Amino acid sequence: METASVQKETTIEDATVTAGECQSATEAEQVNLEPGMVCAGRRICVVADDREGGAGALEALRGIKGIDVEVRRLPIGDYEVDGRLVVERKTLTDLVASIQDARLFRQSAALAGVWSGSSRRPLVILEGTARDLAGNRMRREAIQGALITLTLIYGIPLLRSAAPDETARLMIYAARQMRAVARGGLTRSGTRPQGKRARQLRILQGLPRVGPERAARLLERFGTVERIMTATESQLKEVEGVGRRTADAIRWAVSDPEAAYEAAEL
């Protein structure tokens, strides 16, 4: 155990020394980095590294409606999602192995370089549960130290998932939220919309299944928030992009008795 600890400390030190070199190599590589797939409309495109062929997350992505998947060799990361995210997927057992052989720190430096001159953001998804580390001899402090380096020193966000299907969903959730932010769908904390129309749109986006585009269409069709709230399901469905599920969700949110509303949320 003491030997493993010494090796861990040496690895971190060496990785820190060479981080600048990794950063420079990454920036040079980015010049020739192929542009990511960006799908038209509401579809989301995912490029998966061909070395992820046996990963459950890749199969889970293929099963999600509205997702297009392409498999090819990626210079950095395991997945590129919607041309916005570069994702490194790690199981807990792979995390331990990558700490021992210093691969984690080289990968971290490369991922951190994704930000340089690019709109893409890096993300690490750590997949698995504590049971996956049963019998592992690496000290908990060593793992925590590596994660501190990854997140606080290199500044790379980290998300946890319990299984491959959750990993796939996390990637898509993250991409959709980033897309919404890029379109102005989320209001920054502490700011208030200016003008009556902006306030109306903000109110409408509080309804289930209503984003900025649907909110704008609803307001254009009905003219006021009050008319939208009192519209029937059939009237709501006359709006482009509003189907039965969305119309039902709006009617449920604005007309159910309070007791039934609370029960439905449980």
C-alpha atoms as a PDB file:
ATOM      1  CA  MET A   1       0.000   0.000   0.000  1.00  0.00           C
ATOM      2  CA  GLU A   2       2.822   2.402   0.849  1.00  0.00           C
ATOM      3  CA  THR A   3       4.499   1.642  -2.467  1.00  0.00           C
ATOM      4  CA  ALA A   4       1.283   2.330  -4.346  1.00  0.00           C
ATOM      5  CA  SER A   5       0.934   5.632  -2.488  1.00  0.00           C
ATOM      6  CA  VAL A   6       4.448   6.723  -3.456  1.00  0.00           C
ATOM      7  CA  GLN A   7       3.768   5.816  -7.080  1.00  0.00           C
ATOM      8  CA  LYS A   8       0.566   7.860  -6.978  1.00  0.00           C
ATOM      9  CA  GLU A   9       2.346  10.952  -5.681  1.00  0.00           C
ATOM     10  CA  THR A  10       5.053  10.644  -8.330  1.00  0.00           C
ATOM     11  CA  THR A  11       2.450  10.259 -11.043  1.00  0.00           C
ATOM     12  CA  ILE A  12       0.606  13.433 -10.039  1.00  0.00           C
ATOM     13  CA  GLU A  13       3.853  15.387  -9.900  1.00  0.00           C
ATOM     14  CA  ASP A  14       4.969  14.156 -13.306  1.00  0.00           C
ATOM     15  CA  ALA A  15       1.566  14.881 -14.822  1.00  0.00           C
ATOM     16  CA  THR A  16       1.638  18.414 -13.445  1.00  0.00           C
ATOM     17  CA  VAL A  17       5.053  19.043 -14.950  1.00  0.00           C
ATOM     18  CA  THR A  18       3.970  17.843 -18.406  1.00  0.00           C
ATOM     19  CA  ALA A  19       0.505  19.422 -18.358  1.00  0.00           C
ATOM     20  CA  GLY A  20       1.737  22.426 -20.347  1.00  0.00           C
ATOM     21  CA  GLU A  21       3.156  20.154 -23.015  1.00  0.00           C
ATOM     22  CA  CYS A  22      -0.147  18.257 -23.237  1.00  0.00           C
ATOM     23  CA  GLN A  23      -2.021  21.563 -23.486  1.00  0.00           C
ATOM     24  CA  SER A  24       0.173  22.747 -26.344  1.00  0.00           C
ATOM     25  CA  ALA A  25      -0.201  19.464 -28.187  1.00  0.00           C
ATOM     26  CA  THR A  26      -3.952  19.639 -27.820  1.00  0.00           C
ATOM     27  CA  GLU A  27      -4.146  23.177 -29.188  1.00  0.00           C
ATOM     28  CA  ALA A  28      -2.059  22.187 -32.197  1.00  0.00           C
ATOM     29  CA  GLU A  29      -4.267  19.191 -32.778  1.00  0.00           C
ATOM     30  CA  GLN A  30      -7.398  21.310 -32.643  1.00  0.00           C
ATOM     31  CA  VAL A  31      -6.425  23.171 -35.794  1.00  0.00           C
ATOM     32  CA  ASN A  32      -7.061  19.986 -37.775  1.00  0.00           C
ATOM     33  CA  LEU A  33      -9.902  18.699 -35.632  1.00  0.00           C
ATOM     34  CA  GLU A  34     -12.851  17.682 -37.764  1.00  0.00           C
ATOM     35  CA  PRO A  35     -16.012  19.705 -37.131  1.00  0.00           C
ATOM     36  CA  GLY A  36     -18.549  17.819 -35.061  1.00  0.00           C
ATOM     37  CA  MET A  37     -21.856  16.621 -36.419  1.00  0.00           C
ATOM     38  CA  VAL A  38     -24.643  19.135 -35.895  1.00  0.00           C
ATOM     39  CA  CYS A  39     -28.099  17.855 -36.813  1.00  0.00           C
ATOM     40  CA  ALA A  40     -30.846  19.980 -38.254  1.00  0.00           C
ATOM     41  CA  GLY A  41     -33.992  20.733 -36.306  1.00  0.00           C
ATOM     42  CA  ARG A  42     -34.424  19.074 -32.939  1.00  0.00           C
ATOM     43  CA  ARG A  43     -32.303  16.000 -33.650  1.00  0.00           C
ATOM     44  CA  ILE A  44     -29.026  15.606 -31.793  1.00  0.00           C
ATOM     45  CA  CYS A  45     -25.967  14.102 -33.458  1.00  0.00           C
ATOM     46  CA  VAL A  46     -23.402  12.097 -31.546  1.00  0.00           C
ATOM     47  CA  VAL A  47     -19.979  11.037 -32.792  1.00  0.00           C
ATOM     48  CA  ALA A  48     -18.668   8.024 -30.864  1.00  0.00           C
ATOM     49  CA  ASP A  49     -15.045   6.950 -30.873  1.00  0.00           C
ATOM     50  CA  ASP A  50     -14.653   3.608 -32.640  1.00  0.00           C
ATOM     51  CA  ARG A  51     -12.934   2.203 -29.535  1.00  0.00           C
ATOM     52  CA  GLU A  52     -16.257   2.520 -27.693  1.00  0.00           C
ATOM     53  CA  GLY A  53     -17.714  -0.272 -29.829  1.00  0.00           C
ATOM     54  CA  GLY A  54     -18.394  -2.599 -26.897  1.00  0.00           C
ATOM     55  CA  ALA A  55     -19.654   0.092 -24.535  1.00  0.00           C
ATOM     56  CA  GLY A  56     -23.233  -0.129 -23.313  1.00  0.00           C
ATOM     57  CA  ALA A  57     -23.548   3.652 -23.517  1.00  0.00           C
ATOM     58  CA  LEU A  58     -23.142   3.544 -27.307  1.00  0.00           C
ATOM     59  CA  GLU A  59     -25.932   1.007 -27.671  1.00  0.00           C
ATOM     60  CA  ALA A  60     -28.119   3.026 -25.302  1.00  0.00           C
ATOM     61  CA  LEU A  61     -27.583   6.150 -27.431  1.00  0.00           C
ATOM     62  CA  ARG A  62     -28.693   4.272 -30.533  1.00  0.00           C
ATOM     63  CA  GLY A  63     -31.936   3.441 -28.760  1.00  0.00           C
ATOM     64  CA  ILE A  64     -32.851   7.041 -27.898  1.00  0.00           C
ATOM     65  CA  LYS A  65     -35.402   8.614 -30.237  1.00  0.00           C
ATOM     66  CA  GLY A  66     -34.200  11.666 -32.144  1.00  0.00           C
ATOM     67  CA  ILE A  67     -30.484  10.816 -31.842  1.00  0.00           C
ATOM     68  CA  ASP A  68     -28.197  10.180 -34.819  1.00  0.00           C
ATOM     69  CA  VAL A  69     -24.986   8.281 -34.057  1.00  0.00           C
ATOM     70  CA  GLU A  70     -21.818   8.129 -36.145  1.00  0.00           C
ATOM     71  CA  VAL A  71     -18.811   5.998 -35.180  1.00  0.00           C
ATOM     72  CA  ARG A  72     -15.283   7.078 -36.112  1.00  0.00           C
ATOM     73  CA  ARG A  73     -11.926   7.731 -34.480  1.00  0.00           C
ATOM     74  CA  LEU A  74     -11.889  10.819 -32.259  1.00  0.00           C
ATOM     75  CA  PRO A  75      -8.586  12.507 -31.360  1.00  0.00           C
ATOM     76  CA  ILE A  76      -9.929  13.560 -27.948  1.00  0.00           C
ATOM     77  CA  GLY A  77     -12.622  12.015 -25.760  1.00  0.00           C
ATOM     78  CA  ASP A  78     -15.034   9.140 -26.294  1.00  0.00           C
ATOM     79  CA  TYR A  79     -18.058  11.079 -27.571  1.00  0.00           C
ATOM     80  CA  GLU A  80     -18.740  14.405 -29.233  1.00  0.00           C
ATOM     81  CA  VAL A  81     -22.341  15.465 -28.674  1.00  0.00           C
ATOM     82  CA  ASP A  82     -24.231  18.043 -30.746  1.00  0.00           C
ATOM     83  CA  GLY A  83     -20.961  19.721 -31.709  1.00  0.00           C
ATOM     84  CA  ARG A  84     -20.951  21.201 -28.191  1.00  0.00           C
ATOM     85  CA  LEU A  85     -19.646  18.579 -25.781  1.00  0.00           C
ATOM     86  CA  VAL A  86     -16.513  16.440 -25.792  1.00  0.00           C
ATOM     87  CA  VAL A  87     -17.200  13.620 -23.335  1.00  0.00           C
ATOM     88  CA  GLU A  88     -14.738  11.247 -21.706  1.00  0.00           C
ATOM     89  CA  ARG A  89     -16.562   8.240 -20.249  1.00  0.00           C
ATOM     90  CA  LYS A  90     -14.844   6.372 -17.440  1.00  0.00           C
ATOM     91  CA  THR A  91     -15.960   3.404 -15.423  1.00  0.00           C
ATOM     92  CA  LEU A  92     -14.745   3.337 -11.827  1.00  0.00           C
ATOM     93  CA  THR A  93     -12.372   0.467 -12.568  1.00  0.00           C
ATOM     94  CA  ASP A  94     -10.946   2.357 -15.548  1.00  0.00           C
ATOM     95  CA  LEU A  95     -10.568   5.441 -13.353  1.00  0.00           C
ATOM     96  CA  VAL A  96      -8.332   3.504 -10.950  1.00  0.00           C
ATOM     97  CA  ALA A  97      -6.275   2.055 -13.800  1.00  0.00           C
ATOM     98  CA  SER A  98      -5.876   5.485 -15.434  1.00  0.00           C
ATOM     99  CA  ILE A  99      -4.655   6.962 -12.139  1.00  0.00           C
ATOM    100  CA  GLN A 100      -2.064   4.218 -11.768  1.00  0.00           C
ATOM    101  CA  ASP A 101      -0.618   4.625 -15.262  1.00  0.00           C
ATOM    102  CA  ALA A 102      -0.998   8.466 -15.288  1.00  0.00           C
ATOM    103  CA  ARG A 103      -3.350   8.281 -18.283  1.00  0.00           C
ATOM    104  CA  LEU A 104      -6.003  10.273 -16.402  1.00  0.00           C
ATOM    105  CA  PHE A 105      -3.769  13.312 -16.097  1.00  0.00           C
ATOM    106  CA  ARG A 106      -2.712  13.253 -19.748  1.00  0.00           C
ATOM    107  CA  GLN A 107      -6.362  12.943 -20.764  1.00  0.00           C
ATOM    108  CA  SER A 108      -7.317  15.762 -18.396  1.00  0.00           C
ATOM    109  CA  ALA A 109      -4.758  18.102 -19.934  1.00  0.00           C
ATOM    110  CA  ALA A 110      -6.001  17.226 -23.418  1.00  0.00           C
ATOM    111  CA  LEU A 111      -9.663  17.737 -22.454  1.00  0.00           C
ATOM    112  CA  ALA A 112      -8.854  21.063 -20.809  1.00  0.00           C
ATOM    113  CA  GLY A 113      -7.386  22.161 -24.134  1.00  0.00           C
ATOM    114  CA  VAL A 114     -10.761  21.634 -25.844  1.00  0.00           C
ATOM    115  CA  TRP A 115     -11.838  25.045 -24.533  1.00  0.00           C
ATOM    116  CA  SER A 116      -9.008  26.847 -26.327  1.00  0.00           C
ATOM    117  CA  GLY A 117     -10.330  28.534 -29.439  1.00  0.00           C
ATOM    118  CA  SER A 118     -13.461  26.400 -29.521  1.00  0.00           C
ATOM    119  CA  SER A 119     -17.090  26.579 -28.429  1.00  0.00           C
ATOM    120  CA  ARG A 120     -16.994  22.948 -27.323  1.00  0.00           C
ATOM    121  CA  ARG A 121     -16.969  22.072 -23.653  1.00  0.00           C
ATOM    122  CA  PRO A 122     -15.247  19.088 -22.021  1.00  0.00           C
ATOM    123  CA  LEU A 123     -17.086  16.714 -19.695  1.00  0.00           C
ATOM    124  CA  VAL A 124     -16.122  13.580 -17.783  1.00  0.00           C
ATOM    125  CA  ILE A 125     -18.845  11.078 -16.882  1.00  0.00           C
ATOM    126  CA  LEU A 126     -17.851   8.645 -14.153  1.00  0.00           C
ATOM    127  CA  GLU A 127     -19.869   5.476 -14.562  1.00  0.00           C
ATOM    128  CA  GLY A 128     -20.553   2.774 -11.986  1.00  0.00           C
ATOM    129  CA  THR A 129     -21.271   2.186  -8.303  1.00  0.00           C
ATOM    130  CA  ALA A 130     -19.169   1.547  -5.212  1.00  0.00           C
ATOM    131  CA  ARG A 131     -19.605  -2.197  -5.751  1.00  0.00           C
ATOM    132  CA  ASP A 132     -17.417  -1.912  -8.845  1.00  0.00           C
ATOM    133  CA  LEU A 133     -14.458  -1.050  -6.606  1.00  0.00           C
ATOM    134  CA  ALA A 134     -14.827  -4.097  -4.359  1.00  0.00           C
ATOM    135  CA  GLY A 135     -11.400  -5.636  -3.892  1.00  0.00           C
ATOM    136  CA  ASN A 136      -9.618  -2.565  -5.242  1.00  0.00           C
ATOM    137  CA  ARG A 137      -6.481  -1.730  -3.259  1.00  0.00           C
ATOM    138  CA  MET A 138      -6.096   1.935  -4.172  1.00  0.00           C
ATOM    139  CA  ARG A 139      -6.624   4.242  -1.218  1.00  0.00           C
ATOM    140  CA  ARG A 140      -9.753   6.379  -1.205  1.00  0.00           C
ATOM    141  CA  GLU A 141      -7.594   9.490  -0.657  1.00  0.00           C
ATOM    142  CA  ALA A 142      -5.681   8.758  -3.855  1.00  0.00           C
ATOM    143  CA  ILE A 143      -8.907   8.586  -5.872  1.00  0.00           C
ATOM    144  CA  GLN A 144     -10.214  11.773  -4.259  1.00  0.00           C
ATOM    145  CA  GLY A 145      -6.928  13.545  -4.989  1.00  0.00           C
ATOM    146  CA  ALA A 146      -7.153  12.572  -8.660  1.00  0.00           C
ATOM    147  CA  LEU A 147     -10.726  13.876  -8.904  1.00  0.00           C
ATOM    148  CA  ILE A 148      -9.673  17.160  -7.278  1.00  0.00           C
ATOM    149  CA  THR A 149      -6.967  17.503  -9.924  1.00  0.00           C
ATOM    150  CA  LEU A 150      -9.462  16.750 -12.680  1.00  0.00           C
ATOM    151  CA  THR A 151     -12.179  19.153 -11.532  1.00  0.00           C
ATOM    152  CA  LEU A 152     -10.533  21.977  -9.582  1.00  0.00           C
ATOM    153  CA  ILE A 153      -7.114  22.177 -11.222  1.00  0.00           C
ATOM    154  CA  TYR A 154      -8.019  21.352 -14.813  1.00  0.00           C
ATOM    155  CA  GLY A 155     -11.538  22.796 -14.460  1.00  0.00           C
ATOM    156  CA  ILE A 156     -13.331  19.895 -16.148  1.00  0.00           C
ATOM    157  CA  PRO A 157     -16.932  19.227 -15.035  1.00  0.00           C
ATOM    158  CA  LEU A 158     -17.654  15.721 -13.758  1.00  0.00           C
ATOM    159  CA  LEU A 159     -21.014  13.958 -13.674  1.00  0.00           C
ATOM    160  CA  ARG A 160     -21.824  10.591 -12.101  1.00  0.00           C
ATOM    161  CA  SER A 161     -23.932   7.823 -13.577  1.00  0.00           C
ATOM    162  CA  ALA A 162     -24.805   4.406 -12.205  1.00  0.00           C
ATOM    163  CA  ALA A 163     -24.980   2.523 -15.510  1.00  0.00           C
ATOM    164  CA  PRO A 164     -24.387   2.887 -19.280  1.00  0.00           C
ATOM    165  CA  ASP A 165     -27.987   3.839 -20.073  1.00  0.00           C
ATOM    166  CA  GLU A 166     -27.810   6.681 -17.552  1.00  0.00           C
ATOM    167  CA  THR A 167     -24.516   7.801 -19.114  1.00  0.00           C
ATOM    168  CA  ALA A 168     -26.252   8.048 -22.487  1.00  0.00           C
ATOM    169  CA  ARG A 169     -29.143  10.043 -21.022  1.00  0.00           C
ATOM    170  CA  LEU A 170     -26.776  12.415 -19.219  1.00  0.00           C
ATOM    171  CA  MET A 171     -24.978  13.247 -22.453  1.00  0.00           C
ATOM    172  CA  ILE A 172     -28.243  14.047 -24.207  1.00  0.00           C
ATOM    173  CA  TYR A 173     -29.657  16.023 -21.255  1.00  0.00           C
ATOM    174  CA  ALA A 174     -26.479  18.109 -21.105  1.00  0.00           C
ATOM    175  CA  ALA A 175     -26.505  18.774 -24.860  1.00  0.00           C
ATOM    176  CA  ARG A 176     -30.169  19.788 -24.837  1.00  0.00           C
ATOM    177  CA  GLN A 177     -29.658  22.167 -21.932  1.00  0.00           C
ATOM    178  CA  MET A 178     -26.627  23.738 -23.619  1.00  0.00           C
ATOM    179  CA  ARG A 179     -28.692  24.129 -26.780  1.00  0.00           C
ATOM    180  CA  ALA A 180     -31.452  25.851 -24.782  1.00  0.00           C
ATOM    181  CA  VAL A 181     -28.932  28.243 -23.233  1.00  0.00           C
ATOM    182  CA  ALA A 182     -27.494  29.061 -26.659  1.00  0.00           C
ATOM    183  CA  ARG A 183     -31.009  29.952 -27.843  1.00  0.00           C
ATOM    184  CA  GLY A 184     -31.725  32.108 -24.809  1.00  0.00           C
ATOM    185  CA  GLY A 185     -34.058  29.596 -23.216  1.00  0.00           C
ATOM    186  CA  LEU A 186     -32.642  29.948 -19.695  1.00  0.00           C
ATOM    187  CA  THR A 187     -32.548  33.256 -17.864  1.00  0.00           C
ATOM    188  CA  ARG A 188     -29.374  34.017 -15.957  1.00  0.00           C
ATOM    189  CA  SER A 189     -29.626  34.096 -12.200  1.00  0.00           C
ATOM    190  CA  GLY A 190     -30.353  37.550 -10.843  1.00  0.00           C
ATOM    191  CA  THR A 191     -31.620  39.015 -14.111  1.00  0.00           C
ATOM    192  CA  ARG A 192     -35.180  39.940 -14.974  1.00  0.00           C
ATOM    193  CA  PRO A 193     -36.742  40.065 -18.421  1.00  0.00           C
ATOM    194  CA  GLN A 194     -37.266  43.579 -19.729  1.00  0.00           C
ATOM    195  CA  GLY A 195     -40.594  44.555 -21.244  1.00  0.00           C
ATOM    196  CA  LYS A 196     -44.033  42.993 -21.161  1.00  0.00           C
ATOM    197  CA  ARG A 197     -43.459  40.464 -23.963  1.00  0.00           C
ATOM    198  CA  ALA A 198     -40.268  39.170 -22.314  1.00  0.00           C
ATOM    199  CA  ARG A 199     -42.148  38.707 -19.043  1.00  0.00           C
ATOM    200  CA  GLN A 200     -44.974  36.902 -20.819  1.00  0.00           C
ATOM    201  CA  LEU A 201     -42.531  34.528 -22.493  1.00  0.00           C
ATOM    202  CA  ARG A 202     -40.854  33.813 -19.192  1.00  0.00           C
ATOM    203  CA  ILE A 203     -44.187  32.938 -17.592  1.00  0.00           C
ATOM    204  CA  LEU A 204     -45.080  30.615 -20.464  1.00  0.00           C
ATOM    205  CA  GLN A 205     -41.734  28.816 -20.264  1.00  0.00           C
ATOM    206  CA  GLY A 206     -42.693  27.805 -16.749  1.00  0.00           C
ATOM    207  CA  LEU A 207     -45.364  25.527 -18.237  1.00  0.00           C
ATOM    208  CA  PRO A 208     -44.487  21.859 -18.821  1.00  0.00           C
ATOM    209  CA  ARG A 209     -43.032  21.033 -22.266  1.00  0.00           C
ATOM    210  CA  VAL A 210     -42.916  24.722 -23.229  1.00  0.00           C
ATOM    211  CA  GLY A 211     -39.568  26.152 -24.287  1.00  0.00           C
ATOM    212  CA  PRO A 212     -38.748  29.496 -25.900  1.00  0.00           C
ATOM    213  CA  GLU A 213     -39.978  28.500 -29.370  1.00  0.00           C
ATOM    214  CA  ARG A 214     -43.337  27.101 -28.232  1.00  0.00           C
ATOM    215  CA  ALA A 215     -43.829  30.033 -25.885  1.00  0.00           C
ATOM    216  CA  ALA A 216     -43.352  32.474 -28.763  1.00  0.00           C
ATOM    217  CA  ARG A 217     -45.768  30.549 -31.002  1.00  0.00           C
ATOM    218  CA  LEU A 218     -48.407  30.367 -28.267  1.00  0.00           C
ATOM    219  CA  LEU A 219     -48.163  34.072 -27.566  1.00  0.00           C
ATOM    220  CA  GLU A 220     -48.342  34.901 -31.278  1.00  0.00           C
ATOM    221  CA  ARG A 221     -51.458  32.739 -31.680  1.00  0.00           C
ATOM    222  CA  PHE A 222     -53.419  33.815 -28.578  1.00  0.00           C
ATOM    223  CA  GLY A 223     -52.035  37.291 -27.913  1.00  0.00           C
ATOM    224  CA  THR A 224     -52.097  37.129 -24.093  1.00  0.00           C
ATOM    225  CA  VAL A 225     -51.030  34.750 -21.335  1.00  0.00           C
ATOM    226  CA  GLU A 226     -54.594  34.791 -19.995  1.00  0.00           C
ATOM    227  CA  ARG A 227     -56.031  33.440 -23.257  1.00  0.00           C
ATOM    228  CA  ILE A 228     -53.410  30.694 -23.362  1.00  0.00           C
ATOM    229  CA  MET A 229     -54.239  29.630 -19.808  1.00  0.00           C
ATOM    230  CA  THR A 230     -57.946  29.386 -20.613  1.00  0.00           C
ATOM    231  CA  ALA A 231     -57.575  27.790 -24.060  1.00  0.00           C
ATOM    232  CA  THR A 232     -59.002  24.312 -24.601  1.00  0.00           C
ATOM    233  CA  GLU A 233     -56.881  21.348 -25.597  1.00  0.00           C
ATOM    234  CA  SER A 234     -58.136  21.491 -29.183  1.00  0.00           C
ATOM    235  CA  GLN A 235     -57.334  25.210 -29.412  1.00  0.00           C
ATOM    236  CA  LEU A 236     -53.825  24.651 -28.077  1.00  0.00           C
ATOM    237  CA  LYS A 237     -53.210  21.907 -30.637  1.00  0.00           C
ATOM    238  CA  GLU A 238     -53.894  24.384 -33.431  1.00  0.00           C
ATOM    239  CA  VAL A 239     -50.535  26.005 -32.631  1.00  0.00           C
ATOM    240  CA  GLU A 240     -47.600  24.717 -34.680  1.00  0.00           C
ATOM    241  CA  GLY A 241     -45.389  22.429 -32.612  1.00  0.00           C
ATOM    242  CA  VAL A 242     -48.014  21.804 -29.925  1.00  0.00           C
ATOM    243  CA  GLY A 243     -49.281  18.248 -29.988  1.00  0.00           C
ATOM    244  CA  ARG A 244     -51.619  16.294 -27.776  1.00  0.00           C
ATOM    245  CA  ARG A 245     -49.016  15.593 -25.069  1.00  0.00           C
ATOM    246  CA  THR A 246     -48.014  19.237 -24.767  1.00  0.00           C
ATOM    247  CA  ALA A 247     -51.609  20.444 -24.809  1.00  0.00           C
ATOM    248  CA  ASP A 248     -52.536  17.899 -22.123  1.00  0.00           C
ATOM    249  CA  ALA A 249     -49.569  18.963 -19.999  1.00  0.00           C
ATOM    250  CA  ILE A 250     -50.531  22.651 -20.227  1.00  0.00           C
ATOM    251  CA  ARG A 251     -54.167  21.960 -19.339  1.00  0.00           C
ATOM    252  CA  TRP A 252     -53.051  19.728 -16.437  1.00  0.00           C
ATOM    253  CA  ALA A 253     -50.798  22.468 -15.061  1.00  0.00           C
ATOM    254  CA  VAL A 254     -53.330  25.305 -15.231  1.00  0.00           C
ATOM    255  CA  SER A 255     -56.654  23.622 -14.447  1.00  0.00           C
ATOM    256  CA  ASP A 256     -56.198  20.725 -12.026  1.00  0.00           C
ATOM    257  CA  PRO A 257     -57.319  21.238  -8.422  1.00  0.00           C
ATOM    258  CA  GLU A 258     -54.423  21.886  -6.059  1.00  0.00           C
ATOM    259  CA  ALA A 259     -54.767  18.527  -4.262  1.00  0.00           C
ATOM    260  CA  ALA A 260     -54.717  16.588  -7.530  1.00  0.00           C
ATOM    261  CA  TYR A 261     -51.794  18.676  -8.785  1.00  0.00           C
ATOM    262  CA  GLU A 262     -49.700  17.854  -5.717  1.00  0.00           C
ATOM    263  CA  ALA A 263     -50.589  14.182  -5.939  1.00  0.00           C
ATOM    264  CA  ALA A 264     -49.556  14.037  -9.591  1.00  0.00           C
ATOM    265  CA  GLU A 265     -46.105  15.413  -8.732  1.00  0.00           C
ATOM    266  CA  LEU A 266     -45.379  12.707  -6.156  1.00  0.00           C
END
